[in-house]
All heavy atoms as atom14 arrays in JSON, in Angstrom:
{
  "sequence": "LYGHWPLGLHPLPREAAPHELPVEIMGSL",
  "atom14_mask": [
    [1, 1, 1, 1, 1, 1, 1, 1, 0, 0, 0, 0, 0, 0],
    [1, 1, 1, 1, 1, 1, 1, 1, 1, 1, 1, 1, 0, 0],
    [1, 1, 1, 1, 0, 0, 0, 0, 0, 0, 0, 0, 0, 0],
    [1, 1, 1, 1, 1, 1, 1, 1, 1, 1, 0, 0, 0, 0],
    [1, 1, 1, 1, 1, 1, 1, 1, 1, 1, 1, 1, 1, 1],
    [1, 1, 1, 1, 1, 1, 1, 0, 0, 0, 0, 0, 0, 0],
    [1, 1, 1, 1, 1, 1, 1, 1, 0, 0, 0, 0, 0, 0],
    [1, 1, 1, 1, 0, 0, 0, 0, 0, 0, 0, 0, 0, 0],
    [1, 1, 1, 1, 1, 1, 1, 1, 0, 0, 0, 0, 0, 0],
    [1, 1, 1, 1, 1, 1, 1, 1, 1, 1, 0, 0, 0, 0],
    [1, 1, 1, 1, 1, 1, 1, 0, 0, 0, 0, 0, 0, 0],
    [1, 1, 1, 1, 1, 1, 1, 1, 0, 0, 0, 0, 0, 0],
    [1, 1, 1, 1, 1, 1, 1, 0, 0, 0, 0, 0, 0, 0],
    [1, 1, 1, 1, 1, 1, 1, 1, 1, 1, 1, 0, 0, 0],
    [1, 1, 1, 1, 1, 1, 1, 1, 1, 0, 0, 0, 0, 0],
    [1, 1, 1, 1, 1, 0, 0, 0, 0, 0, 0, 0, 0, 0],
    [1, 1, 1, 1, 1, 0, 0, 0, 0, 0, 0, 0, 0, 0],
    [1, 1, 1, 1, 1, 1, 1, 0, 0, 0, 0, 0, 0, 0],
    [1, 1, 1, 1, 1, 1, 1, 1, 1, 1, 0, 0, 0, 0],
    [1, 1, 1, 1, 1, 1, 1, 1, 1, 0, 0, 0, 0, 0],
    [1, 1, 1, 1, 1, 1, 1, 1, 0, 0, 0, 0, 0, 0],
    [1, 1, 1, 1, 1, 1, 1, 0, 0, 0, 0, 0, 0, 0],
    [1, 1, 1, 1, 1, 1, 1, 0, 0, 0, 0, 0, 0, 0],
    [1, 1, 1, 1, 1, 1, 1, 1, 1, 0, 0, 0, 0, 0],
    [1, 1, 1, 1, 1, 1, 1, 1, 0, 0, 0, 0, 0, 0],
    [1, 1, 1, 1, 1, 1, 1, 1, 0, 0, 0, 0, 0, 0],
    [1, 1, 1, 1, 0, 0, 0, 0, 0, 0, 0, 0, 0, 0],
    [1, 1, 1, 1, 1, 1, 0, 0, 0, 0, 0, 0, 0, 0],
    [1, 1, 1, 1, 1, 1, 1, 1, 0, 0, 0, 0, 0, 0]
  ],
  "atom14_positions": [
    [[73.52, 11.14, 70.15], [74.61, 11.55, 71.03], [74.92, 13.05, 70.88], [76.08, 13.48, 70.89], [75.86, 10.71, 70.77], [75.72, 9.22, 71.1], [77.01, 8.47, 70.78], [75.35, 9.0, 72.56], [0.0, 0.0, 0.0], [0.0, 0.0, 0.0], [0.0, 0.0, 0.0], [0.0, 0.0, 0.0], [0.0, 0.0, 0.0], [0.0, 0.0, 0.0]],
    [[73.86, 13.81, 70.75], [74.0, 15.28, 70.78], [74.65, 15.68, 72.11], [74.32, 15.15, 73.16], [72.62, 15.92, 70.64], [72.55, 17.36, 71.11], [73.33, 18.35, 70.52], [71.69, 17.72, 72.15], [73.25, 19.66, 70.95], [71.6, 19.03, 72.58], [72.38, 20.0, 71.98], [72.31, 21.3, 72.42], [0.0, 0.0, 0.0], [0.0, 0.0, 0.0]],
    [[75.58, 16.64, 72.04], [76.26, 17.13, 73.23], [77.44, 16.3, 73.66], [78.12, 16.64, 74.63], [0.0, 0.0, 0.0], [0.0, 0.0, 0.0], [0.0, 0.0, 0.0], [0.0, 0.0, 0.0], [0.0, 0.0, 0.0], [0.0, 0.0, 0.0], [0.0, 0.0, 0.0], [0.0, 0.0, 0.0], [0.0, 0.0, 0.0], [0.0, 0.0, 0.0]],
    [[77.72, 15.21, 72.92], [78.81, 14.3, 73.28], [80.06, 14.56, 72.44], [80.0, 15.23, 71.41], [78.38, 12.85, 73.1], [77.4, 12.36, 74.11], [76.15, 12.91, 74.27], [77.49, 11.37, 75.04], [75.52, 12.27, 75.25], [76.31, 11.34, 75.72], [0.0, 0.0, 0.0], [0.0, 0.0, 0.0], [0.0, 0.0, 0.0], [0.0, 0.0, 0.0]],
    [[81.15, 13.97, 72.88], [82.42, 14.0, 72.15], [82.75, 12.6, 71.63], [82.28, 11.6, 72.19], [83.57, 14.43, 73.07], [83.72, 15.92, 73.22], [84.6, 16.72, 72.56], [82.97, 16.77, 74.08], [84.44, 18.02, 72.96], [83.45, 18.09, 73.9], [81.93, 16.56, 75.0], [82.94, 19.18, 74.6], [81.42, 17.65, 75.7], [81.92, 18.93, 75.49]],
    [[83.59, 12.51, 70.59], [84.12, 11.2, 70.25], [85.1, 10.75, 71.33], [85.57, 11.57, 72.13], [84.84, 11.45, 68.92], [85.16, 12.91, 68.92], [84.07, 13.58, 69.71], [0.0, 0.0, 0.0], [0.0, 0.0, 0.0], [0.0, 0.0, 0.0], [0.0, 0.0, 0.0], [0.0, 0.0, 0.0], [0.0, 0.0, 0.0], [0.0, 0.0, 0.0]],
    [[85.42, 9.49, 71.36], [86.41, 8.96, 72.3], [87.74, 8.77, 71.57], [88.67, 9.56, 71.75], [85.92, 7.66, 72.92], [86.86, 6.99, 73.94], [87.1, 7.89, 75.13], [86.29, 5.65, 74.38], [0.0, 0.0, 0.0], [0.0, 0.0, 0.0], [0.0, 0.0, 0.0], [0.0, 0.0, 0.0], [0.0, 0.0, 0.0], [0.0, 0.0, 0.0]],
    [[87.84, 7.75, 70.74], [89.02, 7.6, 69.89], [88.93, 8.51, 68.69], [87.85, 8.68, 68.1], [0.0, 0.0, 0.0], [0.0, 0.0, 0.0], [0.0, 0.0, 0.0], [0.0, 0.0, 0.0], [0.0, 0.0, 0.0], [0.0, 0.0, 0.0], [0.0, 0.0, 0.0], [0.0, 0.0, 0.0], [0.0, 0.0, 0.0], [0.0, 0.0, 0.0]],
    [[90.06, 9.14, 68.32], [90.04, 10.18, 67.29], [90.74, 9.79, 65.99], [90.72, 10.57, 65.05], [90.7, 11.45, 67.84], [90.13, 11.98, 69.16], [90.92, 13.22, 69.6], [88.65, 12.31, 69.01], [0.0, 0.0, 0.0], [0.0, 0.0, 0.0], [0.0, 0.0, 0.0], [0.0, 0.0, 0.0], [0.0, 0.0, 0.0], [0.0, 0.0, 0.0]],
    [[91.33, 8.64, 65.96], [92.09, 8.23, 64.77], [91.15, 7.85, 63.63], [90.12, 7.22, 63.87], [92.98, 7.03, 65.14], [93.86, 6.58, 64.02], [95.01, 7.24, 63.66], [93.75, 5.51, 63.18], [95.57, 6.61, 62.65], [94.83, 5.56, 62.33], [0.0, 0.0, 0.0], [0.0, 0.0, 0.0], [0.0, 0.0, 0.0], [0.0, 0.0, 0.0]],
    [[91.46, 8.18, 62.38], [92.63, 8.95, 61.94], [92.35, 10.45, 61.84], [93.27, 11.25, 61.87], [92.91, 8.36, 60.56], [91.55, 7.99, 60.04], [90.75, 7.56, 61.24], [0.0, 0.0, 0.0], [0.0, 0.0, 0.0], [0.0, 0.0, 0.0], [0.0, 0.0, 0.0], [0.0, 0.0, 0.0], [0.0, 0.0, 0.0], [0.0, 0.0, 0.0]],
    [[91.06, 10.83, 61.7], [90.7, 12.25, 61.54], [89.75, 12.63, 62.66], [88.56, 12.27, 62.63], [90.05, 12.48, 60.18], [90.92, 12.17, 58.95], [90.11, 12.31, 57.67], [92.13, 13.11, 58.91], [0.0, 0.0, 0.0], [0.0, 0.0, 0.0], [0.0, 0.0, 0.0], [0.0, 0.0, 0.0], [0.0, 0.0, 0.0], [0.0, 0.0, 0.0]],
    [[90.22, 13.36, 63.66], [89.38, 13.68, 64.82], [88.05, 14.33, 64.45], [87.02, 14.01, 65.05], [90.27, 14.63, 65.63], [91.67, 14.22, 65.29], [91.61, 13.84, 63.83], [0.0, 0.0, 0.0], [0.0, 0.0, 0.0], [0.0, 0.0, 0.0], [0.0, 0.0, 0.0], [0.0, 0.0, 0.0], [0.0, 0.0, 0.0], [0.0, 0.0, 0.0]],
    [[88.04, 15.23, 63.48], [86.8, 15.95, 63.17], [85.77, 15.07, 62.48], [84.61, 15.46, 62.34], [87.12, 17.18, 62.33], [87.92, 18.22, 63.11], [87.95, 19.55, 62.42], [88.7, 20.55, 63.19], [88.75, 21.84, 62.9], [88.08, 22.3, 61.84], [89.44, 22.68, 63.63], [0.0, 0.0, 0.0], [0.0, 0.0, 0.0], [0.0, 0.0, 0.0]],
    [[86.18, 13.88, 62.05], [85.25, 12.94, 61.44], [84.89, 11.8, 62.39], [84.09, 10.92, 62.02], [85.84, 12.38, 60.15], [86.06, 13.44, 59.07], [86.65, 12.86, 57.8], [86.74, 11.61, 57.71], [87.02, 13.66, 56.91], [0.0, 0.0, 0.0], [0.0, 0.0, 0.0], [0.0, 0.0, 0.0], [0.0, 0.0, 0.0], [0.0, 0.0, 0.0]],
    [[85.47, 11.78, 63.58], [85.21, 10.7, 64.53], [83.79, 10.79, 65.08], [83.28, 11.88, 65.35], [86.22, 10.76, 65.68], [0.0, 0.0, 0.0], [0.0, 0.0, 0.0], [0.0, 0.0, 0.0], [0.0, 0.0, 0.0], [0.0, 0.0, 0.0], [0.0, 0.0, 0.0], [0.0, 0.0, 0.0], [0.0, 0.0, 0.0], [0.0, 0.0, 0.0]],
    [[83.15, 9.63, 65.23], [81.76, 9.59, 65.71], [81.71, 9.86, 67.21], [82.61, 9.47, 67.96], [81.15, 8.23, 65.41], [0.0, 0.0, 0.0], [0.0, 0.0, 0.0], [0.0, 0.0, 0.0], [0.0, 0.0, 0.0], [0.0, 0.0, 0.0], [0.0, 0.0, 0.0], [0.0, 0.0, 0.0], [0.0, 0.0, 0.0], [0.0, 0.0, 0.0]],
    [[80.67, 10.52, 67.68], [80.55, 10.77, 69.12], [80.38, 9.46, 69.89], [79.93, 8.46, 69.36], [79.31, 11.66, 69.23], [78.55, 11.44, 67.97], [79.56, 11.13, 66.92], [0.0, 0.0, 0.0], [0.0, 0.0, 0.0], [0.0, 0.0, 0.0], [0.0, 0.0, 0.0], [0.0, 0.0, 0.0], [0.0, 0.0, 0.0], [0.0, 0.0, 0.0]],
    [[80.75, 9.5, 71.16], [80.78, 8.32, 72.02], [80.14, 8.67, 73.36], [80.18, 9.81, 73.82], [82.23, 7.87, 72.21], [82.39, 6.51, 72.8], [82.27, 6.27, 74.15], [82.67, 5.31, 72.22], [82.47, 4.98, 74.38], [82.7, 4.37, 73.22], [0.0, 0.0, 0.0], [0.0, 0.0, 0.0], [0.0, 0.0, 0.0], [0.0, 0.0, 0.0]],
    [[79.58, 7.65, 74.02], [78.86, 7.89, 75.28], [79.76, 8.31, 76.43], [79.33, 9.05, 77.32], [78.12, 6.6, 75.71], [76.98, 6.19, 74.81], [77.42, 5.25, 73.7], [78.66, 5.17, 73.45], [76.56, 4.61, 73.08], [0.0, 0.0, 0.0], [0.0, 0.0, 0.0], [0.0, 0.0, 0.0], [0.0, 0.0, 0.0], [0.0, 0.0, 0.0]],
    [[81.02, 7.9, 76.44], [81.81, 7.99, 77.66], [82.43, 9.36, 77.99], [82.37, 9.79, 79.14], [82.92, 6.94, 77.65], [82.46, 5.48, 77.71], [83.67, 4.56, 77.74], [81.58, 5.25, 78.94], [0.0, 0.0, 0.0], [0.0, 0.0, 0.0], [0.0, 0.0, 0.0], [0.0, 0.0, 0.0], [0.0, 0.0, 0.0], [0.0, 0.0, 0.0]],
    [[83.09, 10.06, 77.05], [83.89, 11.21, 77.48], [83.15, 12.27, 78.29], [83.67, 12.78, 79.28], [84.41, 11.79, 76.16], [84.45, 10.62, 75.24], [83.25, 9.79, 75.62], [0.0, 0.0, 0.0], [0.0, 0.0, 0.0], [0.0, 0.0, 0.0], [0.0, 0.0, 0.0], [0.0, 0.0, 0.0], [0.0, 0.0, 0.0], [0.0, 0.0, 0.0]],
    [[81.92, 12.58, 77.89], [81.22, 13.67, 78.56], [80.88, 13.35, 80.01], [80.7, 14.26, 80.83], [79.94, 14.04, 77.77], [78.84, 13.0, 77.97], [79.44, 15.43, 78.16], [0.0, 0.0, 0.0], [0.0, 0.0, 0.0], [0.0, 0.0, 0.0], [0.0, 0.0, 0.0], [0.0, 0.0, 0.0], [0.0, 0.0, 0.0], [0.0, 0.0, 0.0]],
    [[80.79, 12.07, 80.36], [80.4, 11.69, 81.72], [81.25, 12.38, 82.77], [80.73, 12.92, 83.75], [80.53, 10.17, 81.91], [79.48, 9.35, 81.22], [79.64, 7.87, 81.55], [80.57, 7.49, 82.28], [78.81, 7.09, 81.06], [0.0, 0.0, 0.0], [0.0, 0.0, 0.0], [0.0, 0.0, 0.0], [0.0, 0.0, 0.0], [0.0, 0.0, 0.0]],
    [[82.57, 12.35, 82.6], [83.45, 13.0, 83.57], [83.93, 14.35, 83.05], [84.01, 15.32, 83.81], [84.65, 12.09, 83.92], [85.49, 12.69, 85.04], [85.52, 11.79, 82.71], [84.84, 12.63, 86.39], [0.0, 0.0, 0.0], [0.0, 0.0, 0.0], [0.0, 0.0, 0.0], [0.0, 0.0, 0.0], [0.0, 0.0, 0.0], [0.0, 0.0, 0.0]],
    [[84.21, 14.44, 81.76], [84.78, 15.66, 81.2], [83.79, 16.82, 81.25], [84.19, 17.99, 81.45], [85.24, 15.41, 79.77], [86.15, 16.49, 79.21], [86.96, 15.98, 77.65], [85.57, 16.07, 76.51], [0.0, 0.0, 0.0], [0.0, 0.0, 0.0], [0.0, 0.0, 0.0], [0.0, 0.0, 0.0], [0.0, 0.0, 0.0], [0.0, 0.0, 0.0]],
    [[82.51, 16.53, 81.11], [81.51, 17.6, 81.15], [81.53, 18.34, 82.48], [81.53, 19.58, 82.52], [0.0, 0.0, 0.0], [0.0, 0.0, 0.0], [0.0, 0.0, 0.0], [0.0, 0.0, 0.0], [0.0, 0.0, 0.0], [0.0, 0.0, 0.0], [0.0, 0.0, 0.0], [0.0, 0.0, 0.0], [0.0, 0.0, 0.0], [0.0, 0.0, 0.0]],
    [[81.55, 17.61, 83.58], [81.58, 18.24, 84.9], [82.9, 18.96, 85.13], [82.94, 20.05, 85.7], [81.35, 17.18, 85.99], [80.05, 16.63, 85.89], [0.0, 0.0, 0.0], [0.0, 0.0, 0.0], [0.0, 0.0, 0.0], [0.0, 0.0, 0.0], [0.0, 0.0, 0.0], [0.0, 0.0, 0.0], [0.0, 0.0, 0.0], [0.0, 0.0, 0.0]],
    [[84.0, 18.34, 84.68], [85.31, 18.98, 84.87], [85.42, 20.27, 84.07], [86.1, 21.22, 84.49], [86.42, 18.01, 84.46], [86.51, 16.71, 85.27], [87.69, 15.87, 84.81], [86.6, 16.97, 86.76], [0.0, 0.0, 0.0], [0.0, 0.0, 0.0], [0.0, 0.0, 0.0], [0.0, 0.0, 0.0], [0.0, 0.0, 0.0], [0.0, 0.0, 0.0]]
  ]
}
């Protein structure tokens, strides 16, 4: 999931694993 963002960030956002969904819409926006 290179180039992706995590979705849920709890409890530590910088340790959250990347997820398939956010970049789908957020990348274009």
